[in-house]
Amino acid sequence: MTFNGRISELPKEVKLLIGAFLIVLSVGYFTGLTFVGETTENSLKGIEENYLGNEEDIAVEVMKFKKPEREMLTIIHTHILSMSVIFFLLGALVSLTSIKPWVKKFLMIEPLASVLLTFGGIYLMWSGLLWMKYVVMLSGLLMTLSYTISVMVVFFQLFKNKSS
């Protein structure tokens, strides 16, 4: 069974459902990114301070404390579970597009790997491997880039004419 290019063959009401889903999902995703920006200032130092605290630095404007283990486990658990579902659904939609097979495979698998690297990296950084902040930053950027490209590809192919 081939799925390639089938997205344009879906009934109009299914296309509208998928389009509405992608809009709502994107509002949630980018709201989460806004929250990350607020808590980390989108910087390596901010990532480290958000989880490990900054109480040693007396010159800070906002005092942050190291997150307790229960909170870390909750953050890791909820994000890995929810984001794996998000990227599974988005990957399923990408599988229905007619893009190059290697690009399709990348967009379907990379975000799932980035979820593990990002949130596993956060936990390892919290555990003392401070260099993991670089992995967290890079994998988070790749995850967001993959998400954005996937949504754009699905949207474009969702509403293009079947004859195109």
N, C-alpha and C. Protein backbone atom coordinates (compact mmCIF):
# COMPACT_ATOMS: atom_id res chain seq x y z
N MET A 1 0.84 -1.17 0.00
CA MET A 1 0.00 0.00 0.00
C MET A 1 0.89 1.24 0.00
N THR A 2 0.58 2.16 -0.86
CA THR A 2 1.37 3.39 -0.93
C THR A 2 0.58 4.58 -0.37
N PHE A 3 1.25 5.37 0.44
CA PHE A 3 0.64 6.56 1.02
C PHE A 3 1.08 7.82 0.30
N ASN A 4 2.13 7.72 -0.50
CA ASN A 4 2.75 8.88 -1.12
C ASN A 4 1.75 9.71 -1.92
N GLY A 5 1.60 10.96 -1.55
CA GLY A 5 0.74 11.89 -2.28
C GLY A 5 -0.74 11.74 -2.02
N ARG A 6 -1.13 10.90 -1.11
CA ARG A 6 -2.55 10.63 -0.86
C ARG A 6 -3.27 11.76 -0.14
N ILE A 7 -2.54 12.68 0.45
CA ILE A 7 -3.18 13.74 1.22
C ILE A 7 -4.10 14.60 0.36
N SER A 8 -3.74 14.79 -0.90
CA SER A 8 -4.57 15.62 -1.77
C SER A 8 -5.86 14.90 -2.20
N GLU A 9 -5.92 13.58 -1.98
CA GLU A 9 -7.11 12.79 -2.35
C GLU A 9 -8.14 12.69 -1.22
N LEU A 10 -7.81 13.20 -0.05
CA LEU A 10 -8.73 13.11 1.08
C LEU A 10 -9.97 13.96 0.83
N PRO A 11 -11.11 13.55 1.41
CA PRO A 11 -12.33 14.36 1.26
C PRO A 11 -12.14 15.74 1.88
N LYS A 12 -12.87 16.70 1.36
CA LYS A 12 -12.74 18.10 1.78
C LYS A 12 -12.90 18.27 3.29
N GLU A 13 -13.89 17.57 3.88
CA GLU A 13 -14.12 17.73 5.32
C GLU A 13 -12.95 17.18 6.15
N VAL A 14 -12.28 16.15 5.67
CA VAL A 14 -11.10 15.61 6.36
C VAL A 14 -9.94 16.60 6.23
N LYS A 15 -9.81 17.19 5.06
CA LYS A 15 -8.78 18.21 4.86
C LYS A 15 -8.99 19.40 5.80
N LEU A 16 -10.24 19.82 5.95
CA LEU A 16 -10.54 20.93 6.86
C LEU A 16 -10.23 20.55 8.30
N LEU A 17 -10.56 19.31 8.69
CA LEU A 17 -10.24 18.84 10.04
C LEU A 17 -8.73 18.86 10.27
N ILE A 18 -7.97 18.35 9.32
CA ILE A 18 -6.51 18.33 9.45
C ILE A 18 -5.95 19.75 9.51
N GLY A 19 -6.47 20.63 8.65
CA GLY A 19 -6.02 22.02 8.65
C GLY A 19 -6.31 22.70 9.99
N ALA A 20 -7.52 22.50 10.52
CA ALA A 20 -7.87 23.08 11.81
C ALA A 20 -6.99 22.50 12.93
N PHE A 21 -6.75 21.20 12.87
CA PHE A 21 -5.88 20.55 13.85
C PHE A 21 -4.48 21.15 13.82
N LEU A 22 -3.93 21.34 12.63
CA LEU A 22 -2.58 21.90 12.51
C LEU A 22 -2.51 23.33 13.02
N ILE A 23 -3.56 24.10 12.82
CA ILE A 23 -3.58 25.47 13.33
C ILE A 23 -3.58 25.47 14.86
N VAL A 24 -4.47 24.68 15.45
CA VAL A 24 -4.56 24.62 16.91
C VAL A 24 -3.27 24.05 17.50
N LEU A 25 -2.75 23.00 16.89
CA LEU A 25 -1.49 22.40 17.34
C LEU A 25 -0.35 23.41 17.29
N SER A 26 -0.30 24.18 16.23
CA SER A 26 0.77 25.17 16.08
C SER A 26 0.64 26.30 17.09
N VAL A 27 -0.58 26.72 17.40
CA VAL A 27 -0.77 27.73 18.44
C VAL A 27 -0.20 27.19 19.75
N GLY A 28 -0.52 25.93 20.08
CA GLY A 28 0.01 25.33 21.30
C GLY A 28 1.51 25.19 21.27
N TYR A 29 2.05 24.72 20.15
CA TYR A 29 3.50 24.50 20.03
C TYR A 29 4.26 25.82 20.19
N PHE A 30 3.82 26.84 19.48
CA PHE A 30 4.56 28.10 19.51
C PHE A 30 4.30 28.88 20.80
N THR A 31 3.17 28.63 21.47
CA THR A 31 2.97 29.19 22.81
C THR A 31 3.98 28.57 23.77
N GLY A 32 4.19 27.26 23.63
CA GLY A 32 5.21 26.58 24.44
C GLY A 32 6.60 27.15 24.19
N LEU A 33 6.91 27.44 22.93
CA LEU A 33 8.21 28.04 22.62
C LEU A 33 8.33 29.43 23.23
N THR A 34 7.24 30.17 23.26
CA THR A 34 7.25 31.48 23.90
C THR A 34 7.55 31.34 25.39
N PHE A 35 6.96 30.33 26.01
CA PHE A 35 7.23 30.06 27.42
C PHE A 35 8.70 29.71 27.64
N VAL A 36 9.25 28.88 26.75
CA VAL A 36 10.68 28.53 26.84
C VAL A 36 11.53 29.79 26.74
N GLY A 37 11.16 30.69 25.82
CA GLY A 37 11.89 31.95 25.69
C GLY A 37 11.82 32.79 26.94
N GLU A 38 10.66 32.80 27.59
CA GLU A 38 10.49 33.57 28.82
C GLU A 38 11.31 32.99 29.98
N THR A 39 11.41 31.66 30.04
CA THR A 39 12.08 31.03 31.18
C THR A 39 13.58 30.85 30.96
N THR A 40 14.03 30.84 29.71
CA THR A 40 15.46 30.58 29.44
C THR A 40 16.14 31.70 28.66
N GLU A 41 15.37 32.68 28.21
CA GLU A 41 15.88 33.75 27.35
C GLU A 41 16.53 33.18 26.09
N ASN A 42 16.16 31.94 25.73
CA ASN A 42 16.70 31.26 24.55
C ASN A 42 18.23 31.31 24.51
N SER A 43 18.83 31.10 25.67
CA SER A 43 20.29 31.13 25.75
C SER A 43 20.79 29.90 26.49
N LEU A 44 22.05 29.55 26.27
CA LEU A 44 22.65 28.42 26.98
C LEU A 44 22.66 28.66 28.48
N LYS A 45 23.02 29.86 28.87
CA LYS A 45 23.04 30.20 30.30
C LYS A 45 21.63 30.11 30.89
N GLY A 46 20.65 30.58 30.13
CA GLY A 46 19.26 30.54 30.58
C GLY A 46 18.74 29.12 30.74
N ILE A 47 19.12 28.23 29.83
CA ILE A 47 18.72 26.82 29.93
C ILE A 47 19.29 26.24 31.23
N GLU A 48 20.56 26.47 31.45
CA GLU A 48 21.22 25.94 32.65
C GLU A 48 20.58 26.50 33.92
N GLU A 49 20.37 27.81 33.96
CA GLU A 49 19.80 28.45 35.15
C GLU A 49 18.36 28.00 35.42
N ASN A 50 17.59 27.74 34.36
CA ASN A 50 16.20 27.35 34.53
C ASN A 50 16.06 26.03 35.31
N TYR A 51 17.01 25.13 35.12
CA TYR A 51 16.92 23.82 35.78
C TYR A 51 17.86 23.69 36.99
N LEU A 52 18.99 24.39 36.94
CA LEU A 52 19.99 24.25 38.01
C LEU A 52 19.99 25.43 38.98
N GLY A 53 19.26 26.47 38.65
CA GLY A 53 19.20 27.63 39.52
C GLY A 53 20.36 28.59 39.28
N ASN A 54 20.28 29.73 39.95
CA ASN A 54 21.33 30.75 39.83
C ASN A 54 21.61 31.41 41.18
N GLU A 55 21.28 30.72 42.27
CA GLU A 55 21.38 31.34 43.60
C GLU A 55 22.79 31.74 44.00
N GLU A 56 23.82 31.20 43.32
CA GLU A 56 25.19 31.59 43.63
C GLU A 56 25.53 32.99 43.11
N ASP A 57 24.81 33.43 42.10
CA ASP A 57 25.06 34.72 41.47
C ASP A 57 24.22 35.79 42.16
N ILE A 58 24.83 36.62 42.96
CA ILE A 58 24.08 37.61 43.73
C ILE A 58 23.64 38.81 42.89
N ALA A 59 24.14 38.92 41.67
CA ALA A 59 23.82 40.07 40.84
C ALA A 59 22.62 39.81 39.90
N VAL A 60 21.91 38.71 40.09
CA VAL A 60 20.80 38.40 39.18
C VAL A 60 19.55 39.19 39.55
N GLU A 61 18.74 39.44 38.53
CA GLU A 61 17.49 40.15 38.74
C GLU A 61 16.42 39.22 39.31
N VAL A 62 16.38 37.99 38.78
CA VAL A 62 15.39 37.00 39.22
C VAL A 62 16.14 35.79 39.77
N MET A 63 15.89 35.48 41.02
CA MET A 63 16.54 34.34 41.67
C MET A 63 15.82 33.06 41.26
N LYS A 64 16.61 32.07 40.83
CA LYS A 64 16.07 30.76 40.45
C LYS A 64 16.79 29.70 41.27
N PHE A 65 16.04 28.63 41.60
CA PHE A 65 16.60 27.55 42.40
C PHE A 65 16.58 26.26 41.60
N LYS A 66 17.49 25.34 41.94
CA LYS A 66 17.55 24.05 41.26
C LYS A 66 16.22 23.33 41.44
N LYS A 67 15.71 22.80 40.33
CA LYS A 67 14.43 22.10 40.39
C LYS A 67 14.60 20.78 41.15
N PRO A 68 13.62 20.43 41.97
CA PRO A 68 13.70 19.14 42.68
C PRO A 68 13.47 17.98 41.71
N GLU A 69 13.91 16.79 42.11
CA GLU A 69 13.84 15.62 41.24
C GLU A 69 12.42 15.30 40.80
N ARG A 70 11.46 15.40 41.70
CA ARG A 70 10.06 15.10 41.34
C ARG A 70 9.57 16.03 40.23
N GLU A 71 9.92 17.29 40.31
CA GLU A 71 9.51 18.24 39.27
C GLU A 71 10.21 17.92 37.95
N MET A 72 11.48 17.58 38.01
CA MET A 72 12.21 17.21 36.79
C MET A 72 11.57 15.99 36.13
N LEU A 73 11.28 14.97 36.93
CA LEU A 73 10.67 13.77 36.38
C LEU A 73 9.30 14.06 35.77
N THR A 74 8.55 14.94 36.39
CA THR A 74 7.24 15.33 35.83
C THR A 74 7.41 16.06 34.52
N ILE A 75 8.34 16.99 34.46
CA ILE A 75 8.60 17.73 33.22
C ILE A 75 9.02 16.78 32.10
N ILE A 76 9.97 15.92 32.38
CA ILE A 76 10.50 15.00 31.37
C ILE A 76 9.39 14.05 30.91
N HIS A 77 8.69 13.46 31.86
CA HIS A 77 7.63 12.49 31.57
C HIS A 77 6.54 13.10 30.69
N THR A 78 6.00 14.24 31.11
CA THR A 78 4.88 14.82 30.37
C THR A 78 5.30 15.30 28.98
N HIS A 79 6.49 15.88 28.88
CA HIS A 79 6.93 16.36 27.58
C HIS A 79 7.24 15.22 26.61
N ILE A 80 7.90 14.19 27.08
CA ILE A 80 8.22 13.08 26.17
C ILE A 80 6.94 12.40 25.70
N LEU A 81 6.00 12.15 26.61
CA LEU A 81 4.75 11.51 26.19
C LEU A 81 3.95 12.38 25.23
N SER A 82 3.72 13.63 25.59
CA SER A 82 2.88 14.48 24.75
C SER A 82 3.54 14.79 23.41
N MET A 83 4.83 15.06 23.43
CA MET A 83 5.49 15.41 22.17
C MET A 83 5.67 14.20 21.26
N SER A 84 5.78 13.02 21.82
CA SER A 84 5.85 11.83 20.97
C SER A 84 4.53 11.64 20.23
N VAL A 85 3.41 11.92 20.89
CA VAL A 85 2.11 11.82 20.22
C VAL A 85 1.98 12.91 19.15
N ILE A 86 2.38 14.12 19.47
CA ILE A 86 2.34 15.22 18.50
C ILE A 86 3.13 14.85 17.25
N PHE A 87 4.36 14.38 17.44
CA PHE A 87 5.21 14.10 16.29
C PHE A 87 4.83 12.80 15.57
N PHE A 88 4.19 11.88 16.27
CA PHE A 88 3.66 10.69 15.59
C PHE A 88 2.52 11.11 14.65
N LEU A 89 1.59 11.92 15.15
CA LEU A 89 0.48 12.38 14.31
C LEU A 89 0.97 13.23 13.14
N LEU A 90 1.89 14.13 13.42
CA LEU A 90 2.43 14.97 12.35
C LEU A 90 3.21 14.12 11.34
N GLY A 91 3.95 13.14 11.83
CA GLY A 91 4.67 12.24 10.94
C GLY A 91 3.73 11.43 10.06
N ALA A 92 2.61 11.00 10.62
CA ALA A 92 1.61 10.27 9.83
C ALA A 92 1.07 11.15 8.71
N LEU A 93 0.85 12.43 9.01
CA LEU A 93 0.39 13.36 7.97
C LEU A 93 1.47 13.59 6.92
N VAL A 94 2.71 13.72 7.36
CA VAL A 94 3.82 13.90 6.42
C VAL A 94 3.94 12.68 5.51
N SER A 95 3.66 11.49 6.03
CA SER A 95 3.75 10.26 5.23
C SER A 95 2.79 10.28 4.05
N LEU A 96 1.75 11.09 4.12
CA LEU A 96 0.76 11.18 3.05
C LEU A 96 1.12 12.20 1.97
N THR A 97 2.22 12.92 2.17
CA THR A 97 2.63 13.95 1.21
C THR A 97 3.47 13.33 0.10
N SER A 98 3.74 14.14 -0.91
CA SER A 98 4.52 13.66 -2.05
C SER A 98 5.88 14.36 -2.15
N ILE A 99 6.55 14.47 -1.03
CA ILE A 99 7.89 15.05 -1.03
C ILE A 99 8.92 13.94 -1.22
N LYS A 100 10.17 14.31 -1.44
CA LYS A 100 11.23 13.32 -1.65
C LYS A 100 11.30 12.37 -0.47
N PRO A 101 11.49 11.07 -0.75
CA PRO A 101 11.48 10.06 0.33
C PRO A 101 12.48 10.34 1.45
N TRP A 102 13.68 10.81 1.14
CA TRP A 102 14.67 11.06 2.20
C TRP A 102 14.27 12.24 3.08
N VAL A 103 13.62 13.26 2.47
CA VAL A 103 13.14 14.39 3.25
C VAL A 103 11.99 13.94 4.15
N LYS A 104 11.10 13.14 3.57
CA LYS A 104 9.96 12.62 4.32
C LYS A 104 10.44 11.81 5.52
N LYS A 105 11.39 10.92 5.32
CA LYS A 105 11.92 10.10 6.42
C LYS A 105 12.55 10.98 7.50
N PHE A 106 13.30 11.98 7.07
CA PHE A 106 13.92 12.89 8.04
C PHE A 106 12.86 13.60 8.87
N LEU A 107 11.83 14.16 8.20
CA LEU A 107 10.80 14.90 8.91
C LEU A 107 9.94 14.00 9.81
N MET A 108 9.89 12.72 9.50
CA MET A 108 9.10 11.79 10.30
C MET A 108 9.87 11.29 11.53
N ILE A 109 11.19 11.13 11.41
CA ILE A 109 11.98 10.51 12.48
C ILE A 109 12.75 11.53 13.33
N GLU A 110 13.28 12.57 12.72
CA GLU A 110 14.13 13.52 13.44
C GLU A 110 13.46 14.13 14.67
N PRO A 111 12.20 14.59 14.57
CA PRO A 111 11.61 15.20 15.75
C PRO A 111 11.49 14.24 16.94
N LEU A 112 11.25 12.97 16.65
CA LEU A 112 11.17 11.99 17.74
C LEU A 112 12.53 11.80 18.41
N ALA A 113 13.59 11.76 17.59
CA ALA A 113 14.94 11.68 18.15
C ALA A 113 15.25 12.95 18.95
N SER A 114 14.83 14.10 18.43
CA SER A 114 15.09 15.36 19.13
C SER A 114 14.34 15.45 20.45
N VAL A 115 13.16 14.86 20.53
CA VAL A 115 12.43 14.84 21.80
C VAL A 115 13.26 14.12 22.86
N LEU A 116 13.79 12.95 22.48
CA LEU A 116 14.64 12.20 23.43
C LEU A 116 15.91 12.97 23.78
N LEU A 117 16.55 13.54 22.77
CA LEU A 117 17.79 14.29 23.02
C LEU A 117 17.55 15.54 23.86
N THR A 118 16.47 16.25 23.57
CA THR A 118 16.18 17.49 24.29
C THR A 118 15.86 17.21 25.75
N PHE A 119 14.90 16.33 25.98
CA PHE A 119 14.45 16.13 27.36
C PHE A 119 15.35 15.17 28.12
N GLY A 120 15.95 14.22 27.43
CA GLY A 120 16.99 13.42 28.08
C GLY A 120 18.19 14.29 28.41
N GLY A 121 18.52 15.21 27.50
CA GLY A 121 19.62 16.15 27.74
C GLY A 121 19.36 17.07 28.91
N ILE A 122 18.12 17.51 29.04
CA ILE A 122 17.77 18.37 30.19
C ILE A 122 17.99 17.59 31.49
N TYR A 123 17.55 16.35 31.51
CA TYR A 123 17.72 15.55 32.73
C TYR A 123 19.20 15.30 33.02
N LEU A 124 19.97 14.96 31.98
CA LEU A 124 21.40 14.72 32.18
C LEU A 124 22.12 15.99 32.61
N MET A 125 21.73 17.13 32.05
CA MET A 125 22.32 18.40 32.48
C MET A 125 21.99 18.65 33.95
N TRP A 126 20.74 18.44 34.32
CA TRP A 126 20.31 18.61 35.71
C TRP A 126 21.10 17.66 36.63
N SER A 127 21.44 16.48 36.09
CA SER A 127 22.20 15.49 36.88
C SER A 127 23.68 15.83 37.01
N GLY A 128 24.15 16.83 36.26
CA GLY A 128 25.54 17.24 36.40
C GLY A 128 26.36 17.29 35.13
N LEU A 129 25.84 16.77 34.02
CA LEU A 129 26.57 16.85 32.75
C LEU A 129 26.24 18.18 32.07
N LEU A 130 26.93 19.23 32.49
CA LEU A 130 26.59 20.58 32.06
C LEU A 130 26.73 20.80 30.55
N TRP A 131 27.59 20.03 29.90
CA TRP A 131 27.77 20.19 28.45
C TRP A 131 26.52 19.76 27.66
N MET A 132 25.59 19.09 28.31
CA MET A 132 24.36 18.67 27.63
C MET A 132 23.49 19.86 27.23
N LYS A 133 23.78 21.05 27.80
CA LYS A 133 23.00 22.22 27.40
C LYS A 133 23.17 22.50 25.90
N TYR A 134 24.32 22.15 25.34
CA TYR A 134 24.54 22.33 23.90
C TYR A 134 23.67 21.37 23.10
N VAL A 135 23.57 20.13 23.58
CA VAL A 135 22.70 19.14 22.93
C VAL A 135 21.25 19.58 23.02
N VAL A 136 20.85 20.08 24.18
CA VAL A 136 19.48 20.55 24.40
C VAL A 136 19.16 21.68 23.42
N MET A 137 20.06 22.64 23.31
CA MET A 137 19.84 23.78 22.42
C MET A 137 19.75 23.33 20.96
N LEU A 138 20.70 22.51 20.51
CA LEU A 138 20.72 22.07 19.12
C LEU A 138 19.52 21.18 18.79
N SER A 139 19.22 20.23 19.65
CA SER A 139 18.09 19.33 19.37
C SER A 139 16.77 20.08 19.43
N GLY A 140 16.66 21.05 20.32
CA GLY A 140 15.45 21.86 20.38
C GLY A 140 15.26 22.69 19.11
N LEU A 141 16.35 23.23 18.60
CA LEU A 141 16.27 23.98 17.33
C LEU A 141 15.88 23.08 16.17
N LEU A 142 16.50 21.89 16.10
CA LEU A 142 16.16 20.94 15.03
C LEU A 142 14.71 20.49 15.13
N MET A 143 14.25 20.25 16.35
CA MET A 143 12.86 19.83 16.55
C MET A 143 11.90 20.90 16.04
N THR A 144 12.17 22.14 16.36
CA THR A 144 11.30 23.24 15.95
C THR A 144 11.36 23.45 14.44
N LEU A 145 12.54 23.34 13.88
CA LEU A 145 12.68 23.46 12.42
C LEU A 145 11.91 22.34 11.72
N SER A 146 12.06 21.11 12.20
CA SER A 146 11.33 19.97 11.62
C SER A 146 9.83 20.16 11.76
N TYR A 147 9.39 20.62 12.92
CA TYR A 147 7.97 20.86 13.14
C TYR A 147 7.44 21.87 12.13
N THR A 148 8.12 22.99 12.02
CA THR A 148 7.67 24.08 11.15
C THR A 148 7.63 23.63 9.69
N ILE A 149 8.67 22.97 9.23
CA ILE A 149 8.71 22.49 7.84
C ILE A 149 7.61 21.47 7.60
N SER A 150 7.42 20.54 8.54
CA SER A 150 6.39 19.52 8.39
C SER A 150 5.00 20.14 8.26
N VAL A 151 4.69 21.09 9.14
CA VAL A 151 3.38 21.73 9.09
C VAL A 151 3.20 22.47 7.77
N MET A 152 4.23 23.16 7.31
CA MET A 152 4.14 23.89 6.05
C MET A 152 3.93 22.94 4.87
N VAL A 153 4.67 21.83 4.86
CA VAL A 153 4.54 20.85 3.77
C VAL A 153 3.13 20.26 3.76
N VAL A 154 2.65 19.86 4.93
CA VAL A 154 1.31 19.27 5.00
C VAL A 154 0.26 20.29 4.56
N PHE A 155 0.34 21.51 5.05
CA PHE A 155 -0.62 22.55 4.66
C PHE A 155 -0.60 22.78 3.15
N PHE A 156 0.59 22.92 2.61
CA PHE A 156 0.70 23.19 1.18
C PHE A 156 0.06 22.06 0.36
N GLN A 157 0.38 20.83 0.71
CA GLN A 157 -0.13 19.71 -0.07
C GLN A 157 -1.58 19.38 0.26
N LEU A 158 -2.03 19.76 1.43
CA LEU A 158 -3.41 19.52 1.83
C LEU A 158 -4.38 20.29 0.94
N PHE A 159 -4.01 21.49 0.59
CA PHE A 159 -4.95 22.35 -0.14
C PHE A 159 -4.54 22.62 -1.59
N LYS A 160 -3.55 21.88 -2.09
CA LYS A 160 -3.23 22.04 -3.52
C LYS A 160 -4.22 21.23 -4.34
N ASN A 161 -4.37 21.59 -5.59
CA ASN A 161 -5.29 20.88 -6.48
C ASN A 161 -4.79 19.46 -6.74
N LYS A 162 -5.71 18.52 -6.87
CA LYS A 162 -5.34 17.12 -7.12
C LYS A 162 -4.59 16.96 -8.43
N SER A 163 -4.86 17.82 -9.41
CA SER A 163 -4.23 17.70 -10.72
C SER A 163 -2.82 18.28 -10.75
N SER A 164 -2.43 19.05 -9.71
CA SER A 164 -1.10 19.69 -9.68
C SER A 164 0.01 18.70 -9.46
